[in-house]
């Protein structure tokens, strides 16, 4: 379901930030849309869409926007986060340095 796709996307976090994973997610969403009967045929040849199909298209669009927004936010957060491993014996000042850096 859409909820599971969205949850899987959230769970992957930074992994989905690159273009390869984004294409995979887009492909998954498009496959889901075809199964649900939306986007299976071209717009020129398709008859007028029912309200159910229009609602599905709108829902898929909203899910896609939410996922893209979360991906952009997680990418920004990951760029701002710096991890530093401080190695040293007891009483060597690791905590002091960490506090000074903050």
PDB file of N, CA and C in Angstrom:
ATOM      1  N   UNK A   1       0.831  -1.186   0.000  1.00  0.00           N
ATOM      2  CA  UNK A   1       0.000   0.000   0.000  1.00  0.00           C
ATOM      3  C   UNK A   1       0.875   1.248   0.000  1.00  0.00           C
ATOM      4  N   UNK A   2       0.281   2.393  -0.208  1.00  0.00           N
ATOM      5  CA  UNK A   2       1.025   3.652  -0.241  1.00  0.00           C
ATOM      6  C   UNK A   2       1.707   3.894   1.092  1.00  0.00           C
ATOM      7  N   UNK A   3       1.009   3.585   2.176  1.00  0.00           N
ATOM      8  CA  UNK A   3       1.581   3.807   3.504  1.00  0.00           C
ATOM      9  C   UNK A   3       2.870   3.012   3.677  1.00  0.00           C
ATOM     10  N   UNK A   4       2.878   1.755   3.220  1.00  0.00           N
ATOM     11  CA  UNK A   4       4.091   0.940   3.342  1.00  0.00           C
ATOM     12  C   UNK A   4       5.219   1.512   2.496  1.00  0.00           C
ATOM     13  N   UNK A   5       4.913   1.951   1.285  1.00  0.00           N
ATOM     14  CA  UNK A   5       5.944   2.549   0.434  1.00  0.00           C
ATOM     15  C   UNK A   5       6.538   3.780   1.098  1.00  0.00           C
ATOM     16  N   UNK A   6       5.664   4.593   1.695  1.00  0.00           N
ATOM     17  CA  UNK A   6       6.133   5.805   2.356  1.00  0.00           C
ATOM     18  C   UNK A   6       6.983   5.447   3.571  1.00  0.00           C
ATOM     19  N   UNK A   7       6.567   4.446   4.339  1.00  0.00           N
ATOM     20  CA  UNK A   7       7.327   4.037   5.514  1.00  0.00           C
ATOM     21  C   UNK A   7       8.679   3.457   5.103  1.00  0.00           C
ATOM     22  N   UNK A   8       8.711   2.665   4.013  1.00  0.00           N
ATOM     23  CA  UNK A   8       9.990   2.130   3.542  1.00  0.00           C
ATOM     24  C   UNK A   8      10.915   3.262   3.133  1.00  0.00           C
ATOM     25  N   UNK A   9      10.366   4.262   2.498  1.00  0.00           N
ATOM     26  CA  UNK A   9      11.174   5.403   2.072  1.00  0.00           C
ATOM     27  C   UNK A   9      11.723   6.146   3.277  1.00  0.00           C
ATOM     28  N   UNK A  10      10.902   6.321   4.316  1.00  0.00           N
ATOM     29  CA  UNK A  10      11.363   7.008   5.520  1.00  0.00           C
ATOM     30  C   UNK A  10      12.453   6.204   6.207  1.00  0.00           C
ATOM     31  N   UNK A  11      12.300   4.886   6.231  1.00  0.00           N
ATOM     32  CA  UNK A  11      13.253   4.024   6.913  1.00  0.00           C
ATOM     33  C   UNK A  11      14.625   4.044   6.275  1.00  0.00           C
ATOM     34  N   UNK A  12      14.692   4.273   4.991  1.00  0.00           N
ATOM     35  CA  UNK A  12      15.982   4.279   4.313  1.00  0.00           C
ATOM     36  C   UNK A  12      16.744   5.580   4.518  1.00  0.00           C
ATOM     37  N   UNK A  13      16.044   6.640   4.846  1.00  0.00           N
ATOM     38  CA  UNK A  13      16.676   7.916   5.169  1.00  0.00           C
ATOM     39  C   UNK A  13      17.678   8.380   4.146  1.00  0.00           C
ATOM     40  N   UNK A  14      18.942   8.444   4.558  1.00  0.00           N
ATOM     41  CA  UNK A  14      19.999   9.008   3.723  1.00  0.00           C
ATOM     42  C   UNK A  14      20.254   8.179   2.478  1.00  0.00           C
ATOM     43  N   UNK A  15      19.943   6.871   2.512  1.00  0.00           N
ATOM     44  CA  UNK A  15      20.196   6.032   1.346  1.00  0.00           C
ATOM     45  C   UNK A  15      19.391   6.481   0.134  1.00  0.00           C
ATOM     46  N   UNK A  16      18.209   7.027   0.379  1.00  0.00           N
ATOM     47  CA  UNK A  16      17.370   7.469  -0.727  1.00  0.00           C
ATOM     48  C   UNK A  16      17.762   8.839  -1.257  1.00  0.00           C
ATOM     49  N   UNK A  17      18.727   9.475  -0.615  1.00  0.00           N
ATOM     50  CA  UNK A  17      19.090  10.829  -1.002  1.00  0.00           C
ATOM     51  C   UNK A  17      19.766  10.885  -2.365  1.00  0.00           C
ATOM     52  N   UNK A  18      20.453   9.824  -2.764  1.00  0.00           N
ATOM     53  CA  UNK A  18      21.120   9.908  -4.059  1.00  0.00           C
ATOM     54  C   UNK A  18      20.158   9.569  -5.197  1.00  0.00           C
ATOM     55  N   UNK A  19      20.545   9.936  -6.384  1.00  0.00           N
ATOM     56  CA  UNK A  19      19.656   9.834  -7.550  1.00  0.00           C
ATOM     57  C   UNK A  19      19.276   8.397  -7.881  1.00  0.00           C
ATOM     58  N   UNK A  20      20.185   7.456  -7.682  1.00  0.00           N
ATOM     59  CA  UNK A  20      19.909   6.060  -8.016  1.00  0.00           C
ATOM     60  C   UNK A  20      18.726   5.542  -7.209  1.00  0.00           C
ATOM     61  N   UNK A  21      18.741   5.783  -5.921  1.00  0.00           N
ATOM     62  CA  UNK A  21      17.668   5.305  -5.065  1.00  0.00           C
ATOM     63  C   UNK A  21      16.376   6.075  -5.329  1.00  0.00           C
ATOM     64  N   UNK A  22      16.495   7.340  -5.685  1.00  0.00           N
ATOM     65  CA  UNK A  22      15.311   8.127  -5.991  1.00  0.00           C
ATOM     66  C   UNK A  22      14.608   7.561  -7.223  1.00  0.00           C
ATOM     67  N   UNK A  23      15.410   7.152  -8.228  1.00  0.00           N
ATOM     68  CA  UNK A  23      14.827   6.552  -9.426  1.00  0.00           C
ATOM     69  C   UNK A  23      14.139   5.241  -9.080  1.00  0.00           C
ATOM     70  N   UNK A  24      14.758   4.454  -8.180  1.00  0.00           N
ATOM     71  CA  UNK A  24      14.158   3.194  -7.761  1.00  0.00           C
ATOM     72  C   UNK A  24      12.821   3.440  -7.090  1.00  0.00           C
ATOM     73  N   UNK A  25      12.771   4.424  -6.204  1.00  0.00           N
ATOM     74  CA  UNK A  25      11.522   4.750  -5.515  1.00  0.00           C
ATOM     75  C   UNK A  25      10.473   5.240  -6.505  1.00  0.00           C
ATOM     76  N   UNK A  26      10.892   6.075  -7.447  1.00  0.00           N
ATOM     77  CA  UNK A  26       9.962   6.575  -8.455  1.00  0.00           C
ATOM     78  C   UNK A  26       9.408   5.418  -9.278  1.00  0.00           C
ATOM     79  N   UNK A  27      10.281   4.489  -9.655  1.00  0.00           N
ATOM     80  CA  UNK A  27       9.838   3.313 -10.403  1.00  0.00           C
ATOM     81  C   UNK A  27       8.852   2.477  -9.618  1.00  0.00           C
ATOM     82  N   UNK A  28       9.110   2.330  -8.319  1.00  0.00           N
ATOM     83  CA  UNK A  28       8.201   1.575  -7.460  1.00  0.00           C
ATOM     84  C   UNK A  28       6.838   2.247  -7.399  1.00  0.00           C
ATOM     85  N   UNK A  29       6.836   3.562  -7.230  1.00  0.00           N
ATOM     86  CA  UNK A  29       5.570   4.294  -7.172  1.00  0.00           C
ATOM     87  C   UNK A  29       4.823   4.217  -8.503  1.00  0.00           C
ATOM     88  N   UNK A  30       5.561   4.271  -9.622  1.00  0.00           N
ATOM     89  CA  UNK A  30       4.914   4.173 -10.926  1.00  0.00           C
ATOM     90  C   UNK A  30       4.322   2.783 -11.130  1.00  0.00           C
ATOM     91  N   UNK A  31       5.051   1.747 -10.685  1.00  0.00           N
ATOM     92  CA  UNK A  31       4.526   0.386 -10.782  1.00  0.00           C
ATOM     93  C   UNK A  31       3.252   0.251  -9.961  1.00  0.00           C
ATOM     94  N   UNK A  32       3.272   0.826  -8.774  1.00  0.00           N
ATOM     95  CA  UNK A  32       2.093   0.793  -7.912  1.00  0.00           C
ATOM     96  C   UNK A  32       0.928   1.507  -8.590  1.00  0.00           C
ATOM     97  N   UNK A  33       1.212   2.634  -9.232  1.00  0.00           N
ATOM     98  CA  UNK A  33       0.159   3.384  -9.916  1.00  0.00           C
ATOM     99  C   UNK A  33      -0.435   2.563 -11.056  1.00  0.00           C
ATOM    100  N   UNK A  34       0.406   1.820 -11.776  1.00  0.00           N
ATOM    101  CA  UNK A  34      -0.101   0.989 -12.870  1.00  0.00           C
ATOM    102  C   UNK A  34      -0.993  -0.126 -12.341  1.00  0.00           C
ATOM    103  N   UNK A  35      -0.577  -0.721 -11.215  1.00  0.00           N
ATOM    104  CA  UNK A  35      -1.381  -1.780 -10.615  1.00  0.00           C
ATOM    105  C   UNK A  35      -2.740  -1.238 -10.195  1.00  0.00           C
ATOM    106  N   UNK A  36      -2.731  -0.028  -9.646  1.00  0.00           N
ATOM    107  CA  UNK A  36      -3.974   0.590  -9.180  1.00  0.00           C
ATOM    108  C   UNK A  36      -4.814   1.131 -10.338  1.00  0.00           C
ATOM    109  N   UNK A  37      -4.259   1.141 -11.540  1.00  0.00           N
ATOM    110  CA  UNK A  37      -5.025   1.584 -12.691  1.00  0.00           C
ATOM    111  C   UNK A  37      -4.834   3.043 -13.039  1.00  0.00           C
ATOM    112  N   UNK A  38      -3.840   3.697 -12.444  1.00  0.00           N
ATOM    113  CA  UNK A  38      -3.577   5.092 -12.784  1.00  0.00           C
ATOM    114  C   UNK A  38      -2.274   5.161 -13.550  1.00  0.00           C
ATOM    115  N   UNK A  39      -2.252   5.915 -14.595  1.00  0.00           N
ATOM    116  CA  UNK A  39      -1.024   6.103 -15.354  1.00  0.00           C
ATOM    117  C   UNK A  39      -0.671   4.924 -16.239  1.00  0.00           C
ATOM    118  N   UNK A  40      -1.566   3.972 -16.427  1.00  0.00           N
ATOM    119  CA  UNK A  40      -1.256   2.786 -17.207  1.00  0.00           C
ATOM    120  C   UNK A  40      -1.283   3.067 -18.708  1.00  0.00           C
ATOM    121  N   UNK A  41      -2.011   4.048 -19.142  1.00  0.00           N
ATOM    122  CA  UNK A  41      -2.075   4.370 -20.560  1.00  0.00           C
ATOM    123  C   UNK A  41      -1.734   5.838 -20.759  1.00  0.00           C
ATOM    124  N   UNK A  42      -1.445   6.185 -22.002  1.00  0.00           N
ATOM    125  CA  UNK A  42      -1.096   7.572 -22.273  1.00  0.00           C
ATOM    126  C   UNK A  42      -2.327   8.457 -22.138  1.00  0.00           C
ATOM    127  N   UNK A  43      -2.102   9.729 -21.893  1.00  0.00           N
ATOM    128  CA  UNK A  43      -3.220  10.652 -21.685  1.00  0.00           C
ATOM    129  C   UNK A  43      -4.028  10.868 -22.963  1.00  0.00           C
ATOM    130  N   UNK A  44      -3.362  10.856 -24.116  1.00  0.00           N
ATOM    131  CA  UNK A  44      -4.068  11.119 -25.371  1.00  0.00           C
ATOM    132  C   UNK A  44      -5.095  10.032 -25.669  1.00  0.00           C
ATOM    133  N   UNK A  45      -4.729   8.776 -25.420  1.00  0.00           N
ATOM    134  CA  UNK A  45      -5.591   7.658 -25.784  1.00  0.00           C
ATOM    135  C   UNK A  45      -6.539   7.233 -24.674  1.00  0.00           C
ATOM    136  N   UNK A  46      -6.362   7.756 -23.482  1.00  0.00           N
ATOM    137  CA  UNK A  46      -7.185   7.288 -22.365  1.00  0.00           C
ATOM    138  C   UNK A  46      -8.531   8.005 -22.353  1.00  0.00           C
ATOM    139  N   UNK A  47      -9.569   7.269 -21.964  1.00  0.00           N
ATOM    140  CA  UNK A  47     -10.878   7.921 -21.827  1.00  0.00           C
ATOM    141  C   UNK A  47     -10.864   8.822 -20.602  1.00  0.00           C
ATOM    142  N   UNK A  48     -11.940   9.557 -20.425  1.00  0.00           N
ATOM    143  CA  UNK A  48     -12.024  10.460 -19.280  1.00  0.00           C
ATOM    144  C   UNK A  48     -11.852   9.663 -17.990  1.00  0.00           C
ATOM    145  N   UNK A  49     -11.028  10.178 -17.103  1.00  0.00           N
ATOM    146  CA  UNK A  49     -10.718   9.480 -15.863  1.00  0.00           C
ATOM    147  C   UNK A  49     -11.891   9.573 -14.896  1.00  0.00           C
ATOM    148  N   UNK A  50     -12.116   8.485 -14.191  1.00  0.00           N
ATOM    149  CA  UNK A  50     -13.173   8.483 -13.182  1.00  0.00           C
ATOM    150  C   UNK A  50     -12.689   9.250 -11.957  1.00  0.00           C
ATOM    151  N   UNK A  51     -13.614   9.565 -11.090  1.00  0.00           N
ATOM    152  CA  UNK A  51     -13.234  10.288  -9.868  1.00  0.00           C
ATOM    153  C   UNK A  51     -12.319   9.433  -9.008  1.00  0.00           C
ATOM    154  N   UNK A  52     -12.499   8.105  -9.040  1.00  0.00           N
ATOM    155  CA  UNK A  52     -11.621   7.202  -8.292  1.00  0.00           C
ATOM    156  C   UNK A  52     -10.188   7.311  -8.803  1.00  0.00           C
ATOM    157  N   UNK A  53     -10.027   7.283 -10.129  1.00  0.00           N
ATOM    158  CA  UNK A  53      -8.694   7.394 -10.716  1.00  0.00           C
ATOM    159  C   UNK A  53      -8.082   8.757 -10.426  1.00  0.00           C
ATOM    160  N   UNK A  54      -8.893   9.797 -10.508  1.00  0.00           N
ATOM    161  CA  UNK A  54      -8.393  11.138 -10.210  1.00  0.00           C
ATOM    162  C   UNK A  54      -7.945  11.234  -8.760  1.00  0.00           C
ATOM    163  N   UNK A  55      -8.702  10.620  -7.862  1.00  0.00           N
ATOM    164  CA  UNK A  55      -8.330  10.623  -6.446  1.00  0.00           C
ATOM    165  C   UNK A  55      -7.026   9.864  -6.234  1.00  0.00           C
ATOM    166  N   UNK A  56      -6.861   8.735  -6.947  1.00  0.00           N
ATOM    167  CA  UNK A  56      -5.616   7.970  -6.841  1.00  0.00           C
ATOM    168  C   UNK A  56      -4.431   8.775  -7.347  1.00  0.00           C
ATOM    169  N   UNK A  57      -4.613   9.452  -8.457  1.00  0.00           N
ATOM    170  CA  UNK A  57      -3.535  10.270  -9.015  1.00  0.00           C
ATOM    171  C   UNK A  57      -3.165  11.377  -8.045  1.00  0.00           C
ATOM    172  N   UNK A  58      -4.164  12.016  -7.481  1.00  0.00           N
ATOM    173  CA  UNK A  58      -3.915  13.092  -6.521  1.00  0.00           C
ATOM    174  C   UNK A  58      -3.191  12.552  -5.291  1.00  0.00           C
ATOM    175  N   UNK A  59      -3.636  11.398  -4.794  1.00  0.00           N
ATOM    176  CA  UNK A  59      -3.006  10.791  -3.621  1.00  0.00           C
ATOM    177  C   UNK A  59      -1.556  10.424  -3.910  1.00  0.00           C
ATOM    178  N   UNK A  60      -1.305   9.818  -5.059  1.00  0.00           N
ATOM    179  CA  UNK A  60       0.065   9.444  -5.430  1.00  0.00           C
ATOM    180  C   UNK A  60       0.943  10.687  -5.553  1.00  0.00           C
ATOM    181  N   UNK A  61       0.397  11.753  -6.094  1.00  0.00           N
ATOM    182  CA  UNK A  61       1.141  13.000  -6.225  1.00  0.00           C
ATOM    183  C   UNK A  61       1.496  13.568  -4.860  1.00  0.00           C
ATOM    184  N   UNK A  62       0.534  13.537  -3.934  1.00  0.00           N
ATOM    185  CA  UNK A  62       0.790  14.038  -2.583  1.00  0.00           C
ATOM    186  C   UNK A  62       1.851  13.205  -1.875  1.00  0.00           C
ATOM    187  N   UNK A  63       1.774  11.879  -2.019  1.00  0.00           N
ATOM    188  CA  UNK A  63       2.769  10.993  -1.403  1.00  0.00           C
ATOM    189  C   UNK A  63       4.145  11.288  -1.983  1.00  0.00           C
ATOM    190  N   UNK A  64       4.204  11.458  -3.293  1.00  0.00           N
ATOM    191  CA  UNK A  64       5.476  11.751  -3.943  1.00  0.00           C
ATOM    192  C   UNK A  64       6.063  13.061  -3.432  1.00  0.00           C
ATOM    193  N   UNK A  65       5.235  14.086  -3.296  1.00  0.00           N
ATOM    194  CA  UNK A  65       5.712  15.379  -2.794  1.00  0.00           C
ATOM    195  C   UNK A  65       6.236  15.254  -1.377  1.00  0.00           C
ATOM    196  N   UNK A  66       5.523  14.494  -0.520  1.00  0.00           N
ATOM    197  CA  UNK A  66       5.967  14.302   0.860  1.00  0.00           C
ATOM    198  C   UNK A  66       7.313  13.585   0.909  1.00  0.00           C
ATOM    199  N   UNK A  67       7.455  12.549   0.105  1.00  0.00           N
ATOM    200  CA  UNK A  67       8.704  11.785   0.083  1.00  0.00           C
ATOM    201  C   UNK A  67       9.847  12.662  -0.404  1.00  0.00           C
ATOM    202  N   UNK A  68       9.628  13.410  -1.476  1.00  0.00           N
ATOM    203  CA  UNK A  68      10.668  14.294  -1.997  1.00  0.00           C
ATOM    204  C   UNK A  68      11.066  15.347  -0.965  1.00  0.00           C
ATOM    205  N   UNK A  69      10.083  15.892  -0.248  1.00  0.00           N
ATOM    206  CA  UNK A  69      10.365  16.898   0.774  1.00  0.00           C
ATOM    207  C   UNK A  69      11.199  16.299   1.905  1.00  0.00           C
ATOM    208  N   UNK A  70      10.822  15.101   2.360  1.00  0.00           N
ATOM    209  CA  UNK A  70      11.575  14.443   3.424  1.00  0.00           C
ATOM    210  C   UNK A  70      12.987  14.091   2.974  1.00  0.00           C
ATOM    211  N   UNK A  71      13.132  13.681   1.726  1.00  0.00           N
ATOM    212  CA  UNK A  71      14.464  13.382   1.200  1.00  0.00           C
ATOM    213  C   UNK A  71      15.342  14.630   1.198  1.00  0.00           C
ATOM    214  N   UNK A  72      14.776  15.733   0.771  1.00  0.00           N
ATOM    215  CA  UNK A  72      15.536  16.987   0.744  1.00  0.00           C
ATOM    216  C   UNK A  72      15.928  17.408   2.155  1.00  0.00           C
ATOM    217  N   UNK A  73      14.994  17.285   3.106  1.00  0.00           N
ATOM    218  CA  UNK A  73      15.293  17.654   4.490  1.00  0.00           C
ATOM    219  C   UNK A  73      16.361  16.753   5.094  1.00  0.00           C
ATOM    220  N   UNK A  74      16.269  15.444   4.841  1.00  0.00           N
ATOM    221  CA  UNK A  74      17.265  14.529   5.404  1.00  0.00           C
ATOM    222  C   UNK A  74      18.633  14.760   4.775  1.00  0.00           C
ATOM    223  N   UNK A  75      18.661  15.127   3.507  1.00  0.00           N
ATOM    224  CA  UNK A  75      19.932  15.422   2.857  1.00  0.00           C
ATOM    225  C   UNK A  75      20.584  16.643   3.491  1.00  0.00           C
ATOM    226  N   UNK A  76      19.790  17.669   3.765  1.00  0.00           N
ATOM    227  CA  UNK A  76      20.312  18.873   4.421  1.00  0.00           C
ATOM    228  C   UNK A  76      20.818  18.540   5.814  1.00  0.00           C
ATOM    229  N   UNK A  77      20.049  17.756   6.570  1.00  0.00           N
ATOM    230  CA  UNK A  77      20.473  17.364   7.918  1.00  0.00           C
ATOM    231  C   UNK A  77      21.764  16.558   7.888  1.00  0.00           C
ATOM    232  N   UNK A  78      21.869  15.631   6.943  1.00  0.00           N
ATOM    233  CA  UNK A  78      23.071  14.804   6.852  1.00  0.00           C
ATOM    234  C   UNK A  78      24.293  15.626   6.478  1.00  0.00           C
ATOM    235  N   UNK A  79      24.099  16.679   5.695  1.00  0.00           N
ATOM    236  CA  UNK A  79      25.230  17.532   5.341  1.00  0.00           C
ATOM    237  C   UNK A  79      25.699  18.352   6.529  1.00  0.00           C
ATOM    238  N   UNK A  80      24.783  18.701   7.444  1.00  0.00           N
ATOM    239  CA  UNK A  80      25.132  19.519   8.592  1.00  0.00           C
ATOM    240  C   UNK A  80      25.726  18.701   9.737  1.00  0.00           C
ATOM    241  N   UNK A  81      25.486  17.410   9.769  1.00  0.00           N
ATOM    242  CA  UNK A  81      25.948  16.565  10.864  1.00  0.00           C
ATOM    243  C   UNK A  81      27.393  16.154  10.636  1.00  0.00           C
ATOM    244  N   UNK A  82      28.210  16.384  11.653  1.00  0.00           N
ATOM    245  CA  UNK A  82      29.613  15.974  11.610  1.00  0.00           C
ATOM    246  C   UNK A  82      29.848  15.037  12.780  1.00  0.00           C
ATOM    247  N   UNK A  83      30.401  13.878  12.492  1.00  0.00           N
ATOM    248  CA  UNK A  83      30.714  12.920  13.543  1.00  0.00           C
ATOM    249  C   UNK A  83      32.225  12.898  13.731  1.00  0.00           C
ATOM    250  N   UNK A  84      32.632  12.893  14.992  1.00  0.00           N
ATOM    251  CA  UNK A  84      34.049  12.933  15.325  1.00  0.00           C
ATOM    252  C   UNK A  84      34.319  11.870  16.376  1.00  0.00           C
ATOM    253  N   UNK A  85      35.283  11.013  16.117  1.00  0.00           N
ATOM    254  CA  UNK A  85      35.652   9.968  17.057  1.00  0.00           C
ATOM    255  C   UNK A  85      36.856  10.444  17.847  1.00  0.00           C
ATOM    256  N   UNK A  86      36.668  10.598  19.147  1.00  0.00           N
ATOM    257  CA  UNK A  86      37.757  11.013  20.026  1.00  0.00           C
ATOM    258  C   UNK A  86      38.269   9.789  20.769  1.00  0.00           C
ATOM    259  N   UNK A  87      39.523   9.479  20.538  1.00  0.00           N
ATOM    260  CA  UNK A  87      40.138   8.314  21.171  1.00  0.00           C
ATOM    261  C   UNK A  87      41.195   8.803  22.151  1.00  0.00           C
ATOM    262  N   UNK A  88      41.173   8.222  23.314  1.00  0.00           N
ATOM    263  CA  UNK A  88      42.173   8.575  24.321  1.00  0.00           C
ATOM    264  C   UNK A  88      41.877   7.879  25.625  1.00  0.00           C
ATOM    265  N   UNK A  89      42.849   7.873  26.467  1.00  0.00           N
ATOM    266  CA  UNK A  89      42.701   7.238  27.770  1.00  0.00           C
ATOM    267  C   UNK A  89      41.813   8.054  28.687  1.00  0.00           C
ATOM    268  N   UNK A  90      41.581   7.482  29.864  1.00  0.00           N
ATOM    269  CA  UNK A  90      40.782   8.174  30.871  1.00  0.00           C
ATOM    270  C   UNK A  90      41.481   9.468  31.268  1.00  0.00           C
ATOM    271  N   UNK A  91      40.688  10.485  31.563  1.00  0.00           N
ATOM    272  CA  UNK A  91      41.214  11.783  32.005  1.00  0.00           C
ATOM    273  C   UNK A  91      42.108  12.462  30.957  1.00  0.00           C
ATOM    274  N   UNK A  92      41.911  12.139  29.671  1.00  0.00           N
ATOM    275  CA  UNK A  92      42.748  12.755  28.636  1.00  0.00           C
ATOM    276  C   UNK A  92      42.108  14.001  28.025  1.00  0.00           C
ATOM    277  N   UNK A  93      40.862  14.312  28.387  1.00  0.00           N
ATOM    278  CA  UNK A  93      40.234  15.538  27.920  1.00  0.00           C
ATOM    279  C   UNK A  93      39.279  15.371  26.756  1.00  0.00           C
ATOM    280  N   UNK A  94      38.825  14.143  26.514  1.00  0.00           N
ATOM    281  CA  UNK A  94      37.894  13.902  25.396  1.00  0.00           C
ATOM    282  C   UNK A  94      36.596  14.692  25.582  1.00  0.00           C
ATOM    283  N   UNK A  95      36.026  14.625  26.752  1.00  0.00           N
ATOM    284  CA  UNK A  95      34.767  15.333  27.027  1.00  0.00           C
ATOM    285  C   UNK A  95      34.955  16.838  26.945  1.00  0.00           C
ATOM    286  N   UNK A  96      36.075  17.321  27.421  1.00  0.00           N
ATOM    287  CA  UNK A  96      36.358  18.759  27.391  1.00  0.00           C
ATOM    288  C   UNK A  96      36.411  19.260  25.953  1.00  0.00           C
ATOM    289  N   UNK A  97      37.091  18.537  25.095  1.00  0.00           N
ATOM    290  CA  UNK A  97      37.196  18.932  23.686  1.00  0.00           C
ATOM    291  C   UNK A  97      35.820  18.903  23.030  1.00  0.00           C
ATOM    292  N   UNK A  98      35.038  17.860  23.307  1.00  0.00           N
ATOM    293  CA  UNK A  98      33.693  17.761  22.725  1.00  0.00           C
ATOM    294  C   UNK A  98      32.828  18.937  23.156  1.00  0.00           C
ATOM    295  N   UNK A  99      32.911  19.337  24.414  1.00  0.00           N
ATOM    296  CA  UNK A  99      32.136  20.475  24.912  1.00  0.00           C
ATOM    297  C   UNK A  99      32.594  21.777  24.269  1.00  0.00           C
ATOM    298  N   UNK A 100      33.900  21.931  24.078  1.00  0.00           N
ATOM    299  CA  UNK A 100      34.429  23.152  23.469  1.00  0.00           C
ATOM    300  C   UNK A 100      34.018  23.264  22.003  1.00  0.00           C
ATOM    301  N   UNK A 101      33.954  22.154  21.318  1.00  0.00           N
ATOM    302  CA  UNK A 101      33.571  22.161  19.904  1.00  0.00           C
ATOM    303  C   UNK A 101      32.117  22.591  19.747  1.00  0.00           C
ATOM    304  N   UNK A 102      31.250  22.136  20.657  1.00  0.00           N
ATOM    305  CA  UNK A 102      29.830  22.501  20.580  1.00  0.00           C
ATOM    306  C   UNK A 102      29.690  23.985  20.734  1.00  0.00           C
TER     307      UNK A 102
END
